[in-house]
PDB file of all heavy atoms in Angstrom:
ATOM      1  N   ALA A   1      10.052 -33.686 -47.035  1.00  0.00           N
ATOM      2  CA  ALA A   1       9.687 -33.580 -45.624  1.00  0.00           C
ATOM      3  C   ALA A   1      10.152 -32.246 -45.102  1.00  0.00           C
ATOM      4  O   ALA A   1      11.130 -31.639 -45.567  1.00  0.00           O
ATOM      5  CB  ALA A   1      10.254 -34.719 -44.801  1.00  0.00           C
ATOM      6  N   THR A   2       9.536 -31.734 -44.079  1.00  0.00           N
ATOM      7  CA  THR A   2       9.891 -30.511 -43.360  1.00  0.00           C
ATOM      8  C   THR A   2      10.038 -30.759 -41.895  1.00  0.00           C
ATOM      9  O   THR A   2       9.124 -31.298 -41.233  1.00  0.00           O
ATOM     10  CB  THR A   2       8.793 -29.434 -43.562  1.00  0.00           C
ATOM     11  OG1 THR A   2       8.616 -29.174 -44.985  1.00  0.00           O
ATOM     12  CG2 THR A   2       9.207 -28.130 -42.876  1.00  0.00           C
ATOM     13  N   ILE A   3      11.231 -30.397 -41.394  1.00  0.00           N
ATOM     14  CA  ILE A   3      11.558 -30.576 -39.941  1.00  0.00           C
ATOM     15  C   ILE A   3      11.501 -29.156 -39.348  1.00  0.00           C
ATOM     16  O   ILE A   3      12.280 -28.305 -39.700  1.00  0.00           O
ATOM     17  CB  ILE A   3      12.901 -31.254 -39.754  1.00  0.00           C
ATOM     18  CG1 ILE A   3      13.016 -32.526 -40.610  1.00  0.00           C
ATOM     19  CG2 ILE A   3      13.133 -31.484 -38.253  1.00  0.00           C
ATOM     20  CD1 ILE A   3      11.965 -33.582 -40.278  1.00  0.00           C
ATOM     21  N   GLY A   4      10.597 -28.979 -38.347  1.00  0.00           N
ATOM     22  CA  GLY A   4      10.417 -27.693 -37.784  1.00  0.00           C
ATOM     23  C   GLY A   4      11.545 -27.209 -36.916  1.00  0.00           C
ATOM     24  O   GLY A   4      12.442 -27.933 -36.484  1.00  0.00           O
ATOM     25  N   LEU A   5      11.454 -25.985 -36.525  1.00  0.00           N
ATOM     26  CA  LEU A   5      12.471 -25.271 -35.702  1.00  0.00           C
ATOM     27  C   LEU A   5      12.602 -26.020 -34.418  1.00  0.00           C
ATOM     28  O   LEU A   5      11.667 -26.330 -33.716  1.00  0.00           O
ATOM     29  CB  LEU A   5      11.991 -23.836 -35.438  1.00  0.00           C
ATOM     30  CG  LEU A   5      12.815 -22.955 -34.535  1.00  0.00           C
ATOM     31  CD1 LEU A   5      14.027 -22.427 -35.331  1.00  0.00           C
ATOM     32  CD2 LEU A   5      12.010 -21.759 -34.048  1.00  0.00           C
ATOM     33  N   LYS A   6      13.906 -26.284 -34.056  1.00  0.00           N
ATOM     34  CA  LYS A   6      14.275 -26.944 -32.754  1.00  0.00           C
ATOM     35  C   LYS A   6      13.696 -28.313 -32.528  1.00  0.00           C
ATOM     36  O   LYS A   6      13.679 -28.773 -31.392  1.00  0.00           O
ATOM     37  CB  LYS A   6      13.907 -26.032 -31.583  1.00  0.00           C
ATOM     38  CG  LYS A   6      14.705 -24.724 -31.584  1.00  0.00           C
ATOM     39  CD  LYS A   6      14.430 -23.895 -30.338  1.00  0.00           C
ATOM     40  CE  LYS A   6      15.244 -22.615 -30.367  1.00  0.00           C
ATOM     41  NZ  LYS A   6      14.970 -21.778 -29.162  1.00  0.00           N
ATOM     42  N   ALA A   7      13.256 -28.986 -33.621  1.00  0.00           N
ATOM     43  CA  ALA A   7      12.796 -30.387 -33.481  1.00  0.00           C
ATOM     44  C   ALA A   7      14.030 -31.277 -33.189  1.00  0.00           C
ATOM     45  O   ALA A   7      15.137 -30.915 -33.565  1.00  0.00           O
ATOM     46  CB  ALA A   7      12.072 -30.867 -34.722  1.00  0.00           C
ATOM     47  N   SER A   8      13.839 -32.443 -32.591  1.00  0.00           N
ATOM     48  CA  SER A   8      14.890 -33.343 -32.281  1.00  0.00           C
ATOM     49  C   SER A   8      14.559 -34.742 -32.864  1.00  0.00           C
ATOM     50  O   SER A   8      13.566 -35.254 -32.601  1.00  0.00           O
ATOM     51  CB  SER A   8      15.123 -33.474 -30.761  1.00  0.00           C
ATOM     52  OG  SER A   8      15.496 -32.220 -30.204  1.00  0.00           O
ATOM     53  N   LEU A   9      15.533 -35.269 -33.608  1.00  0.00           N
ATOM     54  CA  LEU A   9      15.356 -36.555 -34.272  1.00  0.00           C
ATOM     55  C   LEU A   9      16.542 -37.454 -33.888  1.00  0.00           C
ATOM     56  O   LEU A   9      17.706 -37.028 -33.961  1.00  0.00           O
ATOM     57  CB  LEU A   9      15.295 -36.382 -35.791  1.00  0.00           C
ATOM     58  CG  LEU A   9      14.041 -35.791 -36.388  1.00  0.00           C
ATOM     59  CD1 LEU A   9      13.923 -34.306 -36.152  1.00  0.00           C
ATOM     60  CD2 LEU A   9      13.956 -36.067 -37.897  1.00  0.00           C
ATOM     61  N   PHE A  10      16.229 -38.691 -33.518  1.00  0.00           N
ATOM     62  CA  PHE A  10      17.263 -39.580 -33.028  1.00  0.00           C
ATOM     63  C   PHE A  10      17.443 -40.773 -34.056  1.00  0.00           C
ATOM     64  O   PHE A  10      16.815 -40.828 -35.086  1.00  0.00           O
ATOM     65  CB  PHE A  10      16.842 -40.160 -31.706  1.00  0.00           C
ATOM     66  CG  PHE A  10      16.846 -39.166 -30.578  1.00  0.00           C
ATOM     67  CD1 PHE A  10      15.760 -38.357 -30.371  1.00  0.00           C
ATOM     68  CD2 PHE A  10      17.963 -38.961 -29.828  1.00  0.00           C
ATOM     69  CE1 PHE A  10      15.699 -37.428 -29.376  1.00  0.00           C
ATOM     70  CE2 PHE A  10      17.997 -38.003 -28.809  1.00  0.00           C
ATOM     71  CZ  PHE A  10      16.819 -37.223 -28.566  1.00  0.00           C
ATOM     72  N   GLY A  11      18.396 -41.663 -33.726  1.00  0.00           N
ATOM     73  CA  GLY A  11      18.656 -42.777 -34.572  1.00  0.00           C
ATOM     74  C   GLY A  11      17.477 -43.726 -34.569  1.00  0.00           C
ATOM     75  O   GLY A  11      16.609 -43.731 -33.701  1.00  0.00           O
ATOM     76  N   ASP A  12      17.379 -44.482 -35.677  1.00  0.00           N
ATOM     77  CA  ASP A  12      16.258 -45.426 -35.870  1.00  0.00           C
ATOM     78  C   ASP A  12      14.957 -44.686 -35.973  1.00  0.00           C
ATOM     79  O   ASP A  12      13.900 -45.168 -35.459  1.00  0.00           O
ATOM     80  CB  ASP A  12      16.208 -46.461 -34.754  1.00  0.00           C
ATOM     81  CG  ASP A  12      15.319 -47.670 -35.118  1.00  0.00           C
ATOM     82  OD1 ASP A  12      15.007 -47.798 -36.354  1.00  0.00           O
ATOM     83  OD2 ASP A  12      15.004 -48.472 -34.242  1.00  0.00           O
ATOM     84  N   VAL A  13      14.943 -43.594 -36.684  1.00  0.00           N
ATOM     85  CA  VAL A  13      13.758 -42.789 -36.987  1.00  0.00           C
ATOM     86  C   VAL A  13      13.613 -42.656 -38.511  1.00  0.00           C
ATOM     87  O   VAL A  13      14.627 -42.423 -39.202  1.00  0.00           O
ATOM     88  CB  VAL A  13      13.830 -41.383 -36.385  1.00  0.00           C
ATOM     89  CG1 VAL A  13      12.790 -40.465 -36.933  1.00  0.00           C
ATOM     90  CG2 VAL A  13      13.610 -41.495 -34.870  1.00  0.00           C
ATOM     91  N   VAL A  14      12.410 -42.805 -38.996  1.00  0.00           N
ATOM     92  CA  VAL A  14      12.145 -42.609 -40.431  1.00  0.00           C
ATOM     93  C   VAL A  14      11.026 -41.575 -40.586  1.00  0.00           C
ATOM     94  O   VAL A  14       9.870 -41.807 -40.011  1.00  0.00           O
ATOM     95  CB  VAL A  14      11.728 -43.901 -41.155  1.00  0.00           C
ATOM     96  CG1 VAL A  14      11.445 -43.646 -42.594  1.00  0.00           C
ATOM     97  CG2 VAL A  14      12.867 -44.918 -41.028  1.00  0.00           C
ATOM     98  N   VAL A  15      11.264 -40.504 -41.266  1.00  0.00           N
ATOM     99  CA  VAL A  15      10.260 -39.464 -41.545  1.00  0.00           C
ATOM    100  C   VAL A  15       9.786 -39.654 -42.954  1.00  0.00           C
ATOM    101  O   VAL A  15      10.625 -39.590 -43.918  1.00  0.00           O
ATOM    102  CB  VAL A  15      10.830 -38.070 -41.289  1.00  0.00           C
ATOM    103  CG1 VAL A  15       9.764 -37.006 -41.706  1.00  0.00           C
ATOM    104  CG2 VAL A  15      11.319 -37.866 -39.896  1.00  0.00           C
ATOM    105  N   GLY A  16       8.499 -39.886 -43.164  1.00  0.00           N
ATOM    106  CA  GLY A  16       7.932 -40.174 -44.421  1.00  0.00           C
ATOM    107  C   GLY A  16       7.953 -39.017 -45.456  1.00  0.00           C
ATOM    108  O   GLY A  16       8.164 -37.858 -45.079  1.00  0.00           O
ATOM    109  N   GLU A  17       7.746 -39.354 -46.708  1.00  0.00           N
ATOM    110  CA  GLU A  17       7.759 -38.347 -47.722  1.00  0.00           C
ATOM    111  C   GLU A  17       6.662 -37.306 -47.533  1.00  0.00           C
ATOM    112  O   GLU A  17       5.477 -37.619 -47.264  1.00  0.00           O
ATOM    113  CB  GLU A  17       7.509 -39.084 -49.086  1.00  0.00           C
ATOM    114  CG  GLU A  17       7.504 -38.116 -50.300  1.00  0.00           C
ATOM    115  CD  GLU A  17       7.410 -38.893 -51.596  1.00  0.00           C
ATOM    116  OE1 GLU A  17       7.507 -40.088 -51.608  1.00  0.00           O
ATOM    117  OE2 GLU A  17       7.172 -38.187 -52.647  1.00  0.00           O
ATOM    118  N   GLY A  18       7.059 -36.044 -47.580  1.00  0.00           N
ATOM    119  CA  GLY A  18       6.094 -34.961 -47.475  1.00  0.00           C
ATOM    120  C   GLY A  18       5.607 -34.695 -46.060  1.00  0.00           C
ATOM    121  O   GLY A  18       4.812 -33.788 -45.856  1.00  0.00           O
ATOM    122  N   ALA A  19       6.144 -35.433 -45.100  1.00  0.00           N
ATOM    123  CA  ALA A  19       5.657 -35.218 -43.718  1.00  0.00           C
ATOM    124  C   ALA A  19       6.186 -33.950 -43.125  1.00  0.00           C
ATOM    125  O   ALA A  19       7.213 -33.420 -43.566  1.00  0.00           O
ATOM    126  CB  ALA A  19       6.130 -36.411 -42.837  1.00  0.00           C
ATOM    127  N   THR A  20       5.441 -33.324 -42.181  1.00  0.00           N
ATOM    128  CA  THR A  20       5.844 -32.176 -41.510  1.00  0.00           C
ATOM    129  C   THR A  20       5.969 -32.406 -40.045  1.00  0.00           C
ATOM    130  O   THR A  20       5.016 -32.860 -39.409  1.00  0.00           O
ATOM    131  CB  THR A  20       4.793 -31.039 -41.704  1.00  0.00           C
ATOM    132  OG1 THR A  20       4.718 -30.715 -43.121  1.00  0.00           O
ATOM    133  CG2 THR A  20       5.157 -29.804 -40.963  1.00  0.00           C
ATOM    134  N   ILE A  21       7.134 -32.170 -39.499  1.00  0.00           N
ATOM    135  CA  ILE A  21       7.406 -32.269 -38.060  1.00  0.00           C
ATOM    136  C   ILE A  21       7.375 -30.932 -37.446  1.00  0.00           C
ATOM    137  O   ILE A  21       8.030 -29.997 -37.889  1.00  0.00           O
ATOM    138  CB  ILE A  21       8.785 -32.961 -37.824  1.00  0.00           C
ATOM    139  CG1 ILE A  21       8.872 -34.280 -38.584  1.00  0.00           C
ATOM    140  CG2 ILE A  21       8.943 -33.148 -36.300  1.00  0.00           C
ATOM    141  CD1 ILE A  21       7.794 -35.271 -38.292  1.00  0.00           C
ATOM    142  N   LYS A  22       6.497 -30.700 -36.446  1.00  0.00           N
ATOM    143  CA  LYS A  22       6.274 -29.374 -35.904  1.00  0.00           C
ATOM    144  C   LYS A  22       7.518 -28.894 -35.086  1.00  0.00           C
ATOM    145  O   LYS A  22       8.273 -29.722 -34.616  1.00  0.00           O
ATOM    146  CB  LYS A  22       5.032 -29.419 -35.009  1.00  0.00           C
ATOM    147  CG  LYS A  22       3.762 -29.704 -35.780  1.00  0.00           C
ATOM    148  CD  LYS A  22       2.575 -29.764 -34.807  1.00  0.00           C
ATOM    149  CE  LYS A  22       1.274 -30.060 -35.565  1.00  0.00           C
ATOM    150  NZ  LYS A  22       0.114 -30.099 -34.637  1.00  0.00           N
ATOM    151  N   PRO A  23       7.622 -27.618 -34.928  1.00  0.00           N
ATOM    152  CA  PRO A  23       8.710 -27.069 -34.110  1.00  0.00           C
ATOM    153  C   PRO A  23       8.725 -27.620 -32.719  1.00  0.00           C
ATOM    154  O   PRO A  23       7.639 -27.817 -32.074  1.00  0.00           O
ATOM    155  CB  PRO A  23       8.433 -25.548 -34.087  1.00  0.00           C
ATOM    156  CG  PRO A  23       7.688 -25.332 -35.390  1.00  0.00           C
ATOM    157  CD  PRO A  23       6.823 -26.515 -35.610  1.00  0.00           C
ATOM    158  N   ASN A  24       9.895 -27.956 -32.194  1.00  0.00           N
ATOM    159  CA  ASN A  24      10.133 -28.534 -30.825  1.00  0.00           C
ATOM    160  C   ASN A  24       9.642 -29.928 -30.645  1.00  0.00           C
ATOM    161  O   ASN A  24       9.710 -30.430 -29.561  1.00  0.00           O
ATOM    162  CB  ASN A  24       9.467 -27.594 -29.819  1.00  0.00           C
ATOM    163  CG  ASN A  24      10.074 -26.209 -29.730  1.00  0.00           C
ATOM    164  OD1 ASN A  24      11.264 -26.071 -29.505  1.00  0.00           O
ATOM    165  ND2 ASN A  24       9.242 -25.180 -29.961  1.00  0.00           N
ATOM    166  N   ASP A  25       9.145 -30.538 -31.739  1.00  0.00           N
ATOM    167  CA  ASP A  25       8.735 -31.994 -31.576  1.00  0.00           C
ATOM    168  C   ASP A  25       9.977 -32.840 -31.324  1.00  0.00           C
ATOM    169  O   ASP A  25      11.051 -32.512 -31.801  1.00  0.00           O
ATOM    170  CB  ASP A  25       8.026 -32.441 -32.844  1.00  0.00           C
ATOM    171  CG  ASP A  25       6.518 -32.203 -32.779  1.00  0.00           C
ATOM    172  OD1 ASP A  25       6.086 -31.618 -31.735  1.00  0.00           O
ATOM    173  OD2 ASP A  25       5.828 -32.519 -33.753  1.00  0.00           O
ATOM    174  N   VAL A  26       9.789 -33.944 -30.694  1.00  0.00           N
ATOM    175  CA  VAL A  26      10.854 -34.881 -30.388  1.00  0.00           C
ATOM    176  C   VAL A  26      10.397 -36.263 -30.985  1.00  0.00           C
ATOM    177  O   VAL A  26       9.405 -36.773 -30.591  1.00  0.00           O
ATOM    178  CB  VAL A  26      11.167 -35.054 -28.905  1.00  0.00           C
ATOM    179  CG1 VAL A  26      12.216 -36.093 -28.696  1.00  0.00           C
ATOM    180  CG2 VAL A  26      11.548 -33.699 -28.329  1.00  0.00           C
ATOM    181  N   LEU A  27      11.247 -36.809 -31.909  1.00  0.00           N
ATOM    182  CA  LEU A  27      10.973 -38.157 -32.509  1.00  0.00           C
ATOM    183  C   LEU A  27      11.901 -39.137 -31.832  1.00  0.00           C
ATOM    184  O   LEU A  27      13.149 -39.119 -32.193  1.00  0.00           O
ATOM    185  CB  LEU A  27      11.157 -38.071 -34.017  1.00  0.00           C
ATOM    186  CG  LEU A  27      10.259 -37.080 -34.804  1.00  0.00           C
ATOM    187  CD1 LEU A  27      10.447 -37.324 -36.310  1.00  0.00           C
ATOM    188  CD2 LEU A  27       8.811 -37.182 -34.377  1.00  0.00           C
ATOM    189  N   LEU A  28      11.398 -39.889 -30.964  1.00  0.00           N
ATOM    190  CA  LEU A  28      12.199 -40.867 -30.257  1.00  0.00           C
ATOM    191  C   LEU A  28      12.555 -41.997 -31.110  1.00  0.00           C
ATOM    192  O   LEU A  28      11.910 -42.273 -32.167  1.00  0.00           O
ATOM    193  CB  LEU A  28      11.416 -41.326 -29.010  1.00  0.00           C
ATOM    194  CG  LEU A  28      11.127 -40.241 -27.971  1.00  0.00           C
ATOM    195  CD1 LEU A  28      10.299 -40.800 -26.780  1.00  0.00           C
ATOM    196  CD2 LEU A  28      12.402 -39.635 -27.435  1.00  0.00           C
ATOM    197  N   PRO A  29      13.555 -42.814 -30.761  1.00  0.00           N
ATOM    198  CA  PRO A  29      13.997 -43.970 -31.563  1.00  0.00           C
ATOM    199  C   PRO A  29      12.838 -44.870 -31.834  1.00  0.00           C
ATOM    200  O   PRO A  29      11.878 -45.080 -31.034  1.00  0.00           O
ATOM    201  CB  PRO A  29      15.042 -44.700 -30.644  1.00  0.00           C
ATOM    202  CG  PRO A  29      15.622 -43.575 -29.837  1.00  0.00           C
ATOM    203  CD  PRO A  29      14.463 -42.635 -29.565  1.00  0.00           C
ATOM    204  N   LYS A  30      12.864 -45.510 -33.024  1.00  0.00           N
ATOM    205  CA  LYS A  30      11.842 -46.399 -33.576  1.00  0.00           C
ATOM    206  C   LYS A  30      10.596 -45.675 -34.001  1.00  0.00           C
ATOM    207  O   LYS A  30       9.602 -46.405 -34.441  1.00  0.00           O
ATOM    208  CB  LYS A  30      11.490 -47.521 -32.537  1.00  0.00           C
ATOM    209  CG  LYS A  30      12.706 -48.346 -32.090  1.00  0.00           C
ATOM    210  CD  LYS A  30      12.309 -49.441 -31.217  1.00  0.00           C
ATOM    211  CE  LYS A  30      13.530 -50.190 -30.649  1.00  0.00           C
ATOM    212  NZ  LYS A  30      14.411 -50.731 -31.749  1.00  0.00           N
ATOM    213  N   THR A  31      10.603 -44.384 -34.052  1.00  0.00           N
ATOM    214  CA  THR A  31       9.446 -43.591 -34.561  1.00  0.00           C
ATOM    215  C   THR A  31       9.376 -43.736 -36.096  1.00  0.00           C
ATOM    216  O   THR A  31      10.413 -43.613 -36.769  1.00  0.00           O
ATOM    217  CB  THR A  31       9.544 -42.157 -34.165  1.00  0.00           C
ATOM    218  OG1 THR A  31       9.496 -42.045 -32.782  1.00  0.00           O
ATOM    219  CG2 THR A  31       8.305 -41.373 -34.767  1.00  0.00           C
ATOM    220  N   ARG A  32       8.222 -44.015 -36.609  1.00  0.00           N
ATOM    221  CA  ARG A  32       7.939 -44.040 -38.078  1.00  0.00           C
ATOM    222  C   ARG A  32       6.851 -43.077 -38.413  1.00  0.00           C
ATOM    223  O   ARG A  32       5.734 -43.257 -38.005  1.00  0.00           O
ATOM    224  CB  ARG A  32       7.612 -45.472 -38.515  1.00  0.00           C
ATOM    225  CG  ARG A  32       8.625 -46.504 -38.190  1.00  0.00           C
ATOM    226  CD  ARG A  32       9.880 -46.312 -39.041  1.00  0.00           C
ATOM    227  NE  ARG A  32      10.858 -47.407 -38.824  1.00  0.00           N
ATOM    228  CZ  ARG A  32      11.841 -47.351 -37.940  1.00  0.00           C
ATOM    229  NH1 ARG A  32      11.974 -46.280 -37.135  1.00  0.00           N
ATOM    230  NH2 ARG A  32      12.735 -48.328 -37.808  1.00  0.00           N
ATOM    231  N   ILE A  33       7.183 -42.008 -39.121  1.00  0.00           N
ATOM    232  CA  ILE A  33       6.249 -40.998 -39.512  1.00  0.00           C
ATOM    233  C   ILE A  33       5.768 -41.375 -40.926  1.00  0.00           C
ATOM    234  O   ILE A  33       6.598 -41.424 -41.853  1.00  0.00           O
ATOM    235  CB  ILE A  33       6.852 -39.608 -39.499  1.00  0.00           C
ATOM    236  CG1 ILE A  33       7.408 -39.287 -38.131  1.00  0.00           C
ATOM    237  CG2 ILE A  33       5.746 -38.560 -39.893  1.00  0.00           C
ATOM    238  CD1 ILE A  33       6.387 -39.262 -37.031  1.00  0.00           C
ATOM    239  N   PRO A  34       4.483 -41.589 -41.163  1.00  0.00           N
ATOM    240  CA  PRO A  34       3.984 -42.031 -42.512  1.00  0.00           C
ATOM    241  C   PRO A  34       4.128 -40.844 -43.445  1.00  0.00           C
ATOM    242  O   PRO A  34       4.245 -39.668 -43.102  1.00  0.00           O
ATOM    243  CB  PRO A  34       2.526 -42.374 -42.221  1.00  0.00           C
ATOM    244  CG  PRO A  34       2.165 -41.584 -41.002  1.00  0.00           C
ATOM    245  CD  PRO A  34       3.401 -41.561 -40.143  1.00  0.00           C
ATOM    246  N   ASP A  35       3.985 -41.239 -44.720  1.00  0.00           N
ATOM    247  CA  ASP A  35       4.070 -40.198 -45.785  1.00  0.00           C
ATOM    248  C   ASP A  35       3.021 -39.151 -45.663  1.00  0.00           C
ATOM    249  O   ASP A  35       1.849 -39.424 -45.321  1.00  0.00           O
ATOM    250  CB  ASP A  35       3.905 -40.839 -47.145  1.00  0.00           C
ATOM    251  CG  ASP A  35       5.101 -41.793 -47.482  1.00  0.00           C
ATOM    252  OD1 ASP A  35       6.158 -41.687 -46.758  1.00  0.00           O
ATOM    253  OD2 ASP A  35       4.995 -42.571 -48.446  1.00  0.00           O
ATOM    254  N   ARG A  36       3.379 -37.868 -45.811  1.00  0.00           N
ATOM    255  CA  ARG A  36       2.539 -36.741 -46.024  1.00  0.00           C
ATOM    256  C   ARG A  36       1.742 -36.281 -44.719  1.00  0.00           C
ATOM    257  O   ARG A  36       1.018 -35.330 -44.779  1.00  0.00           O
ATOM    258  CB  ARG A  36       1.505 -36.915 -47.138  1.00  0.00           C
ATOM    259  CG  ARG A  36       2.157 -37.222 -48.485  1.00  0.00           C
ATOM    260  CD  ARG A  36       1.210 -37.109 -49.616  1.00  0.00           C
ATOM    261  NE  ARG A  36       1.883 -37.518 -50.837  1.00  0.00           N
ATOM    262  CZ  ARG A  36       2.732 -36.695 -51.531  1.00  0.00           C
ATOM    263  NH1 ARG A  36       2.976 -35.482 -51.082  1.00  0.00           N
ATOM    264  NH2 ARG A  36       3.308 -37.097 -52.632  1.00  0.00           N
ATOM    265  N   GLU A  37       1.930 -36.968 -43.706  1.00  0.00           N
ATOM    266  CA  GLU A  37       1.243 -36.530 -42.486  1.00  0.00           C
ATOM    267  C   GLU A  37       1.995 -37.093 -41.236  1.00  0.00           C
ATOM    268  O   GLU A  37       2.662 -38.134 -41.360  1.00  0.00           O
ATOM    269  CB  GLU A  37      -0.238 -36.987 -42.434  1.00  0.00           C
ATOM    270  CG  GLU A  37      -0.410 -38.461 -42.363  1.00  0.00           C
ATOM    271  CD  GLU A  37      -1.904 -38.831 -42.306  1.00  0.00           C
ATOM    272  OE1 GLU A  37      -2.708 -37.933 -42.312  1.00  0.00           O
ATOM    273  OE2 GLU A  37      -2.144 -40.030 -42.293  1.00  0.00           O
TER     274      GLU A  37
END
């Protein structure tokens, strides 16, 4: 997985295999990012 510049990730978050999180994105609690997208 790739976490972009200045992105914010909190507890109870799962980022899937190969996923890309864009710069400045915020992943709030309970967020589930699927594999590769």
